[in-house]
């Protein structure tokens, strides 16, 4: 799966929308965050790692790196 599909899946699992996530993220960061910008970044695969971490923080998830065996 790509980042876009993963994030959309997690948002759906939480029963929320990207718009609500961006609103909450805007309140935390004190910066206006437009859901369309995130959608475009995910579509173009230009979203930054920190932006993904910020979204996951709002959704109460984190990224974990596990070595392949």
N, C-alpha and C. Protein backbone atom coordinates (compact mmCIF):
# COMPACT_ATOMS: atom_id res chain seq x y z
N UNK A 1 0.84 -1.20 0.00
CA UNK A 1 0.00 0.00 0.00
C UNK A 1 0.88 1.25 0.00
N UNK A 2 0.33 2.31 -0.49
CA UNK A 2 1.04 3.58 -0.47
C UNK A 2 0.58 4.40 0.74
N UNK A 3 1.24 5.51 0.96
CA UNK A 3 0.95 6.37 2.11
C UNK A 3 -0.50 6.84 2.09
N UNK A 4 -0.96 7.22 0.94
CA UNK A 4 -2.33 7.74 0.81
C UNK A 4 -3.35 6.70 1.27
N UNK A 5 -3.21 5.49 0.79
CA UNK A 5 -4.14 4.43 1.16
C UNK A 5 -4.07 4.12 2.65
N UNK A 6 -2.86 4.09 3.19
CA UNK A 6 -2.68 3.80 4.61
C UNK A 6 -3.33 4.87 5.47
N UNK A 7 -3.10 6.13 5.16
CA UNK A 7 -3.67 7.22 5.95
C UNK A 7 -5.18 7.22 5.83
N UNK A 8 -5.69 7.05 4.63
CA UNK A 8 -7.14 7.01 4.44
C UNK A 8 -7.76 5.86 5.23
N UNK A 9 -7.08 4.73 5.25
CA UNK A 9 -7.56 3.57 5.99
C UNK A 9 -7.60 3.85 7.49
N UNK A 10 -6.54 4.45 8.01
CA UNK A 10 -6.49 4.77 9.45
C UNK A 10 -7.55 5.80 9.83
N UNK A 11 -7.76 6.78 8.98
CA UNK A 11 -8.79 7.79 9.24
C UNK A 11 -10.17 7.13 9.28
N UNK A 12 -10.42 6.23 8.36
CA UNK A 12 -11.70 5.53 8.33
C UNK A 12 -11.87 4.65 9.57
N UNK A 13 -10.80 3.97 9.99
CA UNK A 13 -10.86 3.12 11.19
C UNK A 13 -11.23 3.93 12.43
N UNK A 14 -10.74 5.17 12.47
CA UNK A 14 -11.03 6.04 13.61
C UNK A 14 -12.42 6.69 13.51
N UNK A 15 -13.07 6.50 12.37
CA UNK A 15 -14.41 7.05 12.18
C UNK A 15 -14.43 8.56 12.08
N UNK A 16 -13.41 9.12 11.46
CA UNK A 16 -13.32 10.57 11.31
C UNK A 16 -13.06 10.89 9.83
N UNK A 17 -12.76 12.14 9.56
CA UNK A 17 -12.47 12.58 8.20
C UNK A 17 -11.15 13.33 8.18
N UNK A 18 -10.57 13.47 6.99
CA UNK A 18 -9.33 14.22 6.85
C UNK A 18 -9.55 15.67 7.25
N UNK A 19 -10.72 16.20 6.96
CA UNK A 19 -11.03 17.58 7.33
C UNK A 19 -10.97 17.76 8.84
N UNK A 20 -11.55 16.81 9.59
CA UNK A 20 -11.52 16.90 11.06
C UNK A 20 -10.10 16.73 11.58
N UNK A 21 -9.33 15.84 10.97
CA UNK A 21 -7.94 15.64 11.37
C UNK A 21 -7.15 16.93 11.15
N UNK A 22 -7.35 17.57 10.01
CA UNK A 22 -6.64 18.81 9.70
C UNK A 22 -7.06 19.94 10.64
N UNK A 23 -8.33 19.98 11.01
CA UNK A 23 -8.80 20.99 11.95
C UNK A 23 -8.12 20.81 13.30
N UNK A 24 -8.05 19.57 13.76
CA UNK A 24 -7.40 19.28 15.03
C UNK A 24 -5.90 19.57 14.96
N UNK A 25 -5.28 19.21 13.85
CA UNK A 25 -3.86 19.48 13.64
C UNK A 25 -3.59 20.98 13.60
N UNK A 26 -4.49 21.74 12.99
CA UNK A 26 -4.36 23.20 12.94
C UNK A 26 -4.38 23.79 14.35
N UNK A 27 -5.24 23.26 15.20
CA UNK A 27 -5.33 23.75 16.57
C UNK A 27 -4.06 23.44 17.35
N UNK A 28 -3.49 22.27 17.12
CA UNK A 28 -2.27 21.88 17.83
C UNK A 28 -1.08 22.68 17.36
N UNK A 29 -0.94 22.87 16.05
CA UNK A 29 0.23 23.53 15.46
C UNK A 29 0.09 25.04 15.36
N UNK A 30 -1.12 25.56 15.60
CA UNK A 30 -1.39 27.00 15.46
C UNK A 30 -1.06 27.50 14.05
N UNK A 31 -1.36 26.67 13.07
CA UNK A 31 -1.14 27.00 11.66
C UNK A 31 -2.35 26.50 10.88
N UNK A 32 -2.77 27.27 9.90
CA UNK A 32 -3.90 26.85 9.07
C UNK A 32 -3.47 25.69 8.18
N UNK A 33 -4.14 24.57 8.30
CA UNK A 33 -3.82 23.38 7.50
C UNK A 33 -5.04 23.03 6.67
N UNK A 34 -4.86 23.06 5.36
CA UNK A 34 -5.94 22.81 4.42
C UNK A 34 -5.97 21.34 4.03
N UNK A 35 -7.09 20.65 4.20
CA UNK A 35 -7.17 19.23 3.83
C UNK A 35 -6.86 18.98 2.35
N UNK A 36 -7.20 19.94 1.49
CA UNK A 36 -6.91 19.77 0.07
C UNK A 36 -5.40 19.71 -0.19
N UNK A 37 -4.63 20.47 0.59
CA UNK A 37 -3.18 20.43 0.43
C UNK A 37 -2.64 19.05 0.77
N UNK A 38 -3.14 18.47 1.87
CA UNK A 38 -2.70 17.13 2.25
C UNK A 38 -3.12 16.10 1.20
N UNK A 39 -4.33 16.23 0.69
CA UNK A 39 -4.81 15.30 -0.33
C UNK A 39 -3.92 15.37 -1.57
N UNK A 40 -3.60 16.59 -2.00
CA UNK A 40 -2.74 16.76 -3.17
C UNK A 40 -1.33 16.21 -2.93
N UNK A 41 -0.78 16.46 -1.75
CA UNK A 41 0.55 15.94 -1.43
C UNK A 41 0.56 14.41 -1.44
N UNK A 42 -0.50 13.82 -0.88
CA UNK A 42 -0.56 12.36 -0.86
C UNK A 42 -0.73 11.80 -2.27
N UNK A 43 -1.52 12.46 -3.09
CA UNK A 43 -1.74 12.02 -4.46
C UNK A 43 -0.46 12.08 -5.28
N UNK A 44 0.34 13.15 -5.05
CA UNK A 44 1.58 13.33 -5.80
C UNK A 44 2.78 12.63 -5.14
N UNK A 45 2.55 12.01 -3.98
CA UNK A 45 3.63 11.37 -3.21
C UNK A 45 4.73 12.35 -2.83
N UNK A 46 4.32 13.57 -2.43
CA UNK A 46 5.28 14.58 -2.00
C UNK A 46 5.09 14.96 -0.54
N UNK A 47 4.30 14.18 0.19
CA UNK A 47 4.07 14.47 1.59
C UNK A 47 5.34 14.18 2.39
N UNK A 48 5.64 15.04 3.34
CA UNK A 48 6.86 14.89 4.14
C UNK A 48 6.62 13.90 5.28
N UNK A 49 7.70 13.28 5.70
CA UNK A 49 7.65 12.32 6.80
C UNK A 49 7.07 12.97 8.05
N UNK A 50 7.47 14.19 8.34
CA UNK A 50 6.96 14.90 9.52
C UNK A 50 5.46 15.14 9.43
N UNK A 51 4.96 15.42 8.24
CA UNK A 51 3.53 15.62 8.06
C UNK A 51 2.76 14.34 8.31
N UNK A 52 3.31 13.22 7.87
CA UNK A 52 2.68 11.93 8.14
C UNK A 52 2.68 11.67 9.64
N UNK A 53 3.80 11.93 10.30
CA UNK A 53 3.87 11.75 11.75
C UNK A 53 2.85 12.63 12.47
N UNK A 54 2.67 13.85 12.00
CA UNK A 54 1.69 14.76 12.62
C UNK A 54 0.27 14.21 12.49
N UNK A 55 -0.07 13.70 11.31
CA UNK A 55 -1.39 13.12 11.11
C UNK A 55 -1.58 11.91 12.01
N UNK A 56 -0.55 11.06 12.08
CA UNK A 56 -0.64 9.87 12.91
C UNK A 56 -0.76 10.22 14.39
N UNK A 57 -0.11 11.30 14.80
CA UNK A 57 -0.21 11.75 16.19
C UNK A 57 -1.64 12.11 16.54
N UNK A 58 -2.31 12.80 15.66
CA UNK A 58 -3.71 13.17 15.87
C UNK A 58 -4.59 11.91 15.96
N UNK A 59 -4.24 10.90 15.18
CA UNK A 59 -5.02 9.66 15.15
C UNK A 59 -4.60 8.67 16.24
N UNK A 60 -3.61 9.05 17.06
CA UNK A 60 -3.07 8.19 18.12
C UNK A 60 -2.40 6.93 17.57
N UNK A 61 -1.63 7.09 16.51
CA UNK A 61 -0.81 6.03 15.95
C UNK A 61 0.63 6.50 15.92
N UNK A 62 1.55 5.58 15.70
CA UNK A 62 2.95 5.95 15.51
C UNK A 62 3.57 4.99 14.50
N UNK A 63 4.72 5.39 13.98
CA UNK A 63 5.44 4.57 13.03
C UNK A 63 6.49 3.78 13.80
N UNK A 64 6.59 2.52 13.47
CA UNK A 64 7.58 1.67 14.12
C UNK A 64 8.38 0.95 13.04
N UNK A 65 9.69 1.02 13.15
CA UNK A 65 10.56 0.34 12.21
C UNK A 65 10.98 -0.99 12.82
N UNK A 66 10.74 -2.05 12.06
CA UNK A 66 11.05 -3.40 12.53
C UNK A 66 11.94 -4.06 11.49
N UNK A 67 13.03 -4.64 11.97
CA UNK A 67 13.98 -5.30 11.06
C UNK A 67 13.36 -6.57 10.50
N UNK A 68 13.54 -6.77 9.20
CA UNK A 68 13.08 -8.00 8.55
C UNK A 68 13.96 -9.17 9.00
N UNK A 69 13.35 -10.31 9.12
CA UNK A 69 14.13 -11.49 9.52
C UNK A 69 14.23 -12.48 8.41
